[in-house]
Amino acid sequence: MTLRIACFGDSLTRAQFSVDYLDLLERRHPPGDVRLARFGANGDFAHNLLQRLDAVVTNPPDVITVLIGTNDARASLADYPVDQAVKRKQLPERPSAGWFQQCLGAVVARLRAETDATIGLLSLPVLGQQLDGAAAQASQAYSRMVAEVAATDEVAYLPLHERQTEELRRADPPPIPYREVTPAAAVGVLLQHAVLRRSLDAIARRRGLVLTTDHIHQNSRGAALVAEVIDAGLLTRST
């Protein structure tokens, strides 16, 4: 029997600027064993994802994964353009930690009430690669909130942040300071990839980045860890 999986998230799940973890996840299984549906939207906050659940509750899958919070965590950093994000994503209030946790809890509550799917919440990928830096610390703090929601609502917690932290400690990368990604910088990566035919991994290597192309979006190594924690935490016991 084919296991139907719906993956919710932001640009990391949409995979225009990141290596596609859905593709890597599918490759971990024999052909036909899993069927993946993508529900990723660039720039989404937890509030935005909460507005998009109709697409999955009308035809519930067997498994639902949620990878959200990177933009909420970025909005807590000093150099993030919060006002622009509020306008662009039509947020009813300024992002905050408490609002993130509230919205994520509402996501889980609706999915539990209106589907019978197995639900897994992923902690955030590490922002940047300086584990003692403000960006990485923010992604860790928001990951703790994900863990709290998962425990409170009794759904699976998938420790992506912890797994990526282990990988970065093992790699001992150069201490490259975190830089917030501007729209122009994101388009620049896309152009390098699509026009100059540089792989996302080559772009990451040129910048000295271990898991990402730009401190946020995942290269093959980072995306493989997303697939790994989903597989280990949900699919090995569902198939």
Protein backbone atom coordinates (compact mmCIF):
# COMPACT_ATOMS: atom_id res chain seq x y z
CA MET A 1 0.00 0.00 0.00
CA THR A 2 1.27 3.47 -0.90
CA LEU A 3 1.76 5.80 2.06
CA ARG A 4 0.41 9.28 1.28
CA ILE A 5 2.43 12.09 2.84
CA ALA A 6 1.62 15.82 2.86
CA CYS A 7 4.54 18.14 3.60
CA PHE A 8 3.69 21.65 4.83
CA GLY A 9 6.18 24.48 5.11
CA ASP A 10 7.75 27.60 3.66
CA SER A 11 10.40 28.08 0.95
CA LEU A 12 12.39 25.12 2.27
CA THR A 13 9.44 22.90 1.35
CA ARG A 14 8.62 24.68 -1.90
CA ALA A 15 12.26 24.06 -2.91
CA GLN A 16 12.85 26.84 -5.42
CA PHE A 17 15.90 28.07 -3.52
CA SER A 18 16.70 24.88 -1.61
CA VAL A 19 17.58 21.33 -2.52
CA ASP A 20 14.30 19.40 -2.53
CA TYR A 21 14.01 17.31 0.63
CA LEU A 22 10.78 15.74 -0.68
CA ASP A 23 12.74 14.28 -3.58
CA LEU A 24 15.41 12.98 -1.22
CA LEU A 25 12.75 11.52 1.07
CA GLU A 26 11.07 9.71 -1.83
CA ARG A 27 14.41 8.26 -2.93
CA ARG A 28 14.83 6.65 0.48
CA HIS A 29 11.94 4.27 -0.33
CA PRO A 30 11.22 1.73 -3.08
CA PRO A 31 9.22 3.13 -6.02
CA GLY A 32 5.53 3.39 -5.22
CA ASP A 33 5.89 3.00 -1.45
CA VAL A 34 5.32 6.70 -0.73
CA ARG A 35 3.45 9.46 -2.53
CA LEU A 36 4.38 12.98 -1.51
CA ALA A 37 2.29 16.14 -1.79
CA ARG A 38 4.01 19.52 -1.46
CA PHE A 39 2.40 22.43 0.42
CA GLY A 40 5.22 24.97 0.60
CA ALA A 41 4.91 28.74 0.18
CA ASN A 42 7.86 31.13 0.05
CA GLY A 43 8.17 33.45 3.03
CA ASP A 44 5.37 31.87 5.03
CA PHE A 45 5.04 32.42 8.75
CA ALA A 46 3.13 30.00 10.97
CA HIS A 47 0.10 32.28 10.65
CA ASN A 48 0.14 31.93 6.85
CA LEU A 49 0.37 28.17 7.05
CA LEU A 50 -2.65 28.12 9.36
CA GLN A 51 -4.69 29.74 6.58
CA ARG A 52 -3.73 27.02 4.07
CA LEU A 53 -4.96 23.86 5.79
CA ASP A 54 -8.14 23.41 3.74
CA ALA A 55 -6.04 21.92 0.96
CA VAL A 56 -5.15 18.90 3.08
CA VAL A 57 -8.12 18.42 5.42
CA THR A 58 -10.48 18.00 2.46
CA ASN A 59 -8.49 14.93 1.35
CA PRO A 60 -6.47 13.82 4.37
CA PRO A 61 -3.24 11.88 3.78
CA ASP A 62 -1.77 9.20 6.01
CA VAL A 63 1.09 11.37 7.29
CA ILE A 64 1.49 15.14 7.62
CA THR A 65 4.81 16.86 8.25
CA VAL A 66 5.12 20.50 9.28
CA LEU A 67 8.36 22.46 8.85
CA ILE A 68 7.58 26.07 9.72
CA GLY A 69 9.07 28.79 11.87
CA THR A 70 12.24 29.83 10.08
CA ASN A 71 10.71 33.16 9.03
CA ASP A 72 9.19 33.66 12.49
CA ALA A 73 12.65 33.14 14.00
CA ARG A 74 14.30 35.44 11.44
CA ALA A 75 11.81 38.16 12.35
CA SER A 76 13.21 38.18 15.88
CA LEU A 77 16.65 39.22 14.60
CA ALA A 78 17.77 42.85 14.61
CA ASP A 79 18.39 43.18 10.86
CA TYR A 80 15.22 41.50 9.62
CA PRO A 81 12.83 43.82 7.68
CA VAL A 82 9.76 43.10 9.79
CA ASP A 83 7.53 45.84 8.40
CA GLN A 84 8.11 44.67 4.84
CA ALA A 85 7.31 41.08 5.79
CA VAL A 86 4.11 42.09 7.60
CA LYS A 87 2.94 43.87 4.46
CA ARG A 88 4.10 41.25 1.98
CA LYS A 89 2.59 38.32 3.86
CA GLN A 90 -0.50 40.27 5.05
CA LEU A 91 0.11 39.47 8.70
CA PRO A 92 -2.50 40.82 11.13
CA GLU A 93 0.18 41.57 13.73
CA ARG A 94 3.95 41.78 14.08
CA PRO A 95 5.60 38.39 14.46
CA SER A 96 6.52 37.31 17.97
CA ALA A 97 7.51 34.13 19.75
CA GLY A 98 4.19 33.86 21.55
CA TRP A 99 2.19 34.33 18.37
CA PHE A 100 4.28 31.72 16.58
CA GLN A 101 3.59 29.17 19.28
CA GLN A 102 -0.11 30.04 19.29
CA CYS A 103 -0.41 29.67 15.50
CA LEU A 104 1.53 26.41 15.44
CA GLY A 105 -0.72 25.06 18.19
CA ALA A 106 -3.77 26.03 16.13
CA VAL A 107 -2.33 24.23 13.10
CA VAL A 108 -1.91 21.04 15.09
CA ALA A 109 -5.33 21.37 16.73
CA ARG A 110 -7.09 21.58 13.37
CA LEU A 111 -5.09 18.78 11.80
CA ARG A 112 -5.84 16.53 14.75
CA ALA A 113 -9.54 17.43 14.78
CA GLU A 114 -10.15 17.06 11.04
CA THR A 115 -7.79 14.28 9.95
CA ASP A 116 -6.63 10.90 11.23
CA ALA A 117 -3.13 11.46 9.89
CA THR A 118 0.03 10.83 11.82
CA ILE A 119 1.47 14.31 12.41
CA GLY A 120 5.11 15.26 12.79
CA LEU A 121 6.49 18.70 13.68
CA LEU A 122 10.08 19.36 12.65
CA SER A 123 12.27 21.66 14.66
CA LEU A 124 13.90 24.41 12.63
CA PRO A 125 17.03 24.02 10.56
CA VAL A 126 19.95 25.91 12.04
CA LEU A 127 20.11 29.52 10.86
CA GLY A 128 23.65 30.26 9.80
CA GLN A 129 26.51 28.07 10.97
CA GLN A 130 27.83 29.91 14.01
CA LEU A 131 26.12 27.96 16.77
CA ASP A 132 26.79 30.69 19.32
CA GLY A 133 25.51 33.43 16.99
CA ALA A 134 22.20 35.26 17.36
CA ALA A 135 20.64 33.59 14.29
CA ALA A 136 21.43 30.04 15.37
CA GLN A 137 20.29 30.85 18.90
CA ALA A 138 16.98 32.15 17.54
CA SER A 139 16.41 28.97 15.54
CA GLN A 140 17.17 26.97 18.67
CA ALA A 141 14.72 28.99 20.78
CA TYR A 142 11.93 28.57 18.23
CA SER A 143 12.74 24.87 17.98
CA ARG A 144 12.13 24.56 21.70
CA MET A 145 8.67 26.06 21.12
CA VAL A 146 8.02 23.46 18.43
CA ALA A 147 8.96 20.76 20.92
CA GLU A 148 6.58 22.24 23.50
CA VAL A 149 3.68 22.28 21.03
CA ALA A 150 4.41 18.70 19.99
CA ALA A 151 4.49 17.53 23.61
CA THR A 152 1.35 19.44 24.60
CA ASP A 153 -0.66 18.23 21.60
CA GLU A 154 0.81 14.72 21.63
CA VAL A 155 2.18 14.63 18.10
CA ALA A 156 5.60 13.49 16.92
CA TYR A 157 8.56 15.82 17.35
CA LEU A 158 11.23 15.47 14.67
CA PRO A 159 14.58 16.86 15.91
CA LEU A 160 15.98 18.51 12.79
CA HIS A 161 17.68 21.36 14.66
CA GLU A 162 19.42 18.94 16.98
CA ARG A 163 20.55 16.76 14.07
CA GLN A 164 21.91 19.75 12.13
CA THR A 165 23.65 21.05 15.22
CA GLU A 166 25.45 17.70 15.53
CA GLU A 167 26.45 17.88 11.87
CA LEU A 168 27.84 21.40 12.22
CA ARG A 169 29.82 20.51 15.33
CA ARG A 170 31.28 17.53 13.49
CA ALA A 171 32.16 19.63 10.43
CA ASP A 172 33.67 22.47 12.49
CA PRO A 173 33.06 25.02 9.70
CA PRO A 174 34.69 28.43 9.40
CA PRO A 175 32.96 31.10 11.55
CA ILE A 176 31.22 32.91 8.69
CA PRO A 177 28.86 35.56 10.12
CA TYR A 178 25.15 35.19 9.42
CA ARG A 179 23.78 37.54 6.78
CA GLU A 180 20.08 38.13 6.30
CA VAL A 181 18.92 37.10 2.83
CA THR A 182 17.46 39.95 0.79
CA PRO A 183 15.05 39.30 -2.12
CA ALA A 184 17.84 40.34 -4.49
CA ALA A 185 20.23 37.83 -2.93
CA ALA A 186 17.64 35.04 -3.25
CA VAL A 187 17.11 35.87 -6.91
CA GLY A 188 20.88 35.92 -7.34
CA VAL A 189 21.13 32.33 -6.13
CA LEU A 190 18.29 31.36 -8.47
CA LEU A 191 20.05 32.98 -11.43
CA GLN A 192 23.35 31.28 -10.62
CA HIS A 193 21.50 27.98 -10.44
CA ALA A 194 19.24 28.36 -13.49
CA VAL A 195 21.33 30.53 -15.84
CA LEU A 196 24.93 29.76 -14.93
CA ARG A 197 24.05 26.12 -14.20
CA ARG A 198 25.83 26.12 -10.87
CA SER A 199 24.51 23.52 -8.49
CA LEU A 200 23.22 24.70 -5.13
CA ASP A 201 26.00 22.64 -3.56
CA ALA A 202 28.62 24.46 -5.66
CA ILE A 203 27.17 27.80 -4.55
CA ALA A 204 27.36 26.64 -0.92
CA ARG A 205 30.98 25.52 -1.31
CA ARG A 206 32.01 28.84 -2.86
CA ARG A 207 30.60 30.56 0.21
CA GLY A 208 32.10 28.16 2.75
CA LEU A 209 28.67 27.02 3.94
CA VAL A 210 28.14 23.46 5.16
CA LEU A 211 24.35 22.95 5.21
CA THR A 212 22.94 25.92 3.31
CA THR A 213 23.45 28.07 0.23
CA ASP A 214 22.82 31.37 2.00
CA HIS A 215 22.57 30.63 5.77
CA ILE A 216 18.86 29.74 5.36
CA HIS A 217 18.06 27.61 2.29
CA GLN A 218 19.32 24.05 2.29
CA ASN A 219 22.01 22.47 0.17
CA SER A 220 22.06 18.68 -0.40
CA ARG A 221 23.64 18.00 2.97
CA GLY A 222 21.09 20.09 4.84
CA ALA A 223 18.12 18.74 2.88
CA ALA A 224 19.30 15.16 3.40
CA LEU A 225 19.06 15.72 7.15
CA VAL A 226 15.45 16.93 6.76
CA ALA A 227 14.60 13.73 4.87
CA GLU A 228 16.49 11.66 7.42
CA VAL A 229 14.62 12.93 10.49
CA ILE A 230 11.24 12.57 8.77
CA ASP A 231 12.08 9.02 7.74
CA ALA A 232 13.44 8.02 11.13
CA GLY A 233 10.70 9.72 13.15
CA LEU A 234 7.61 8.87 11.12
CA LEU A 235 7.97 6.65 8.10
CA THR A 236 9.95 3.72 9.43
CA ARG A 237 7.09 3.02 11.83
CA SER A 238 4.32 3.82 9.31
CA THR A 239 5.44 1.63 6.41
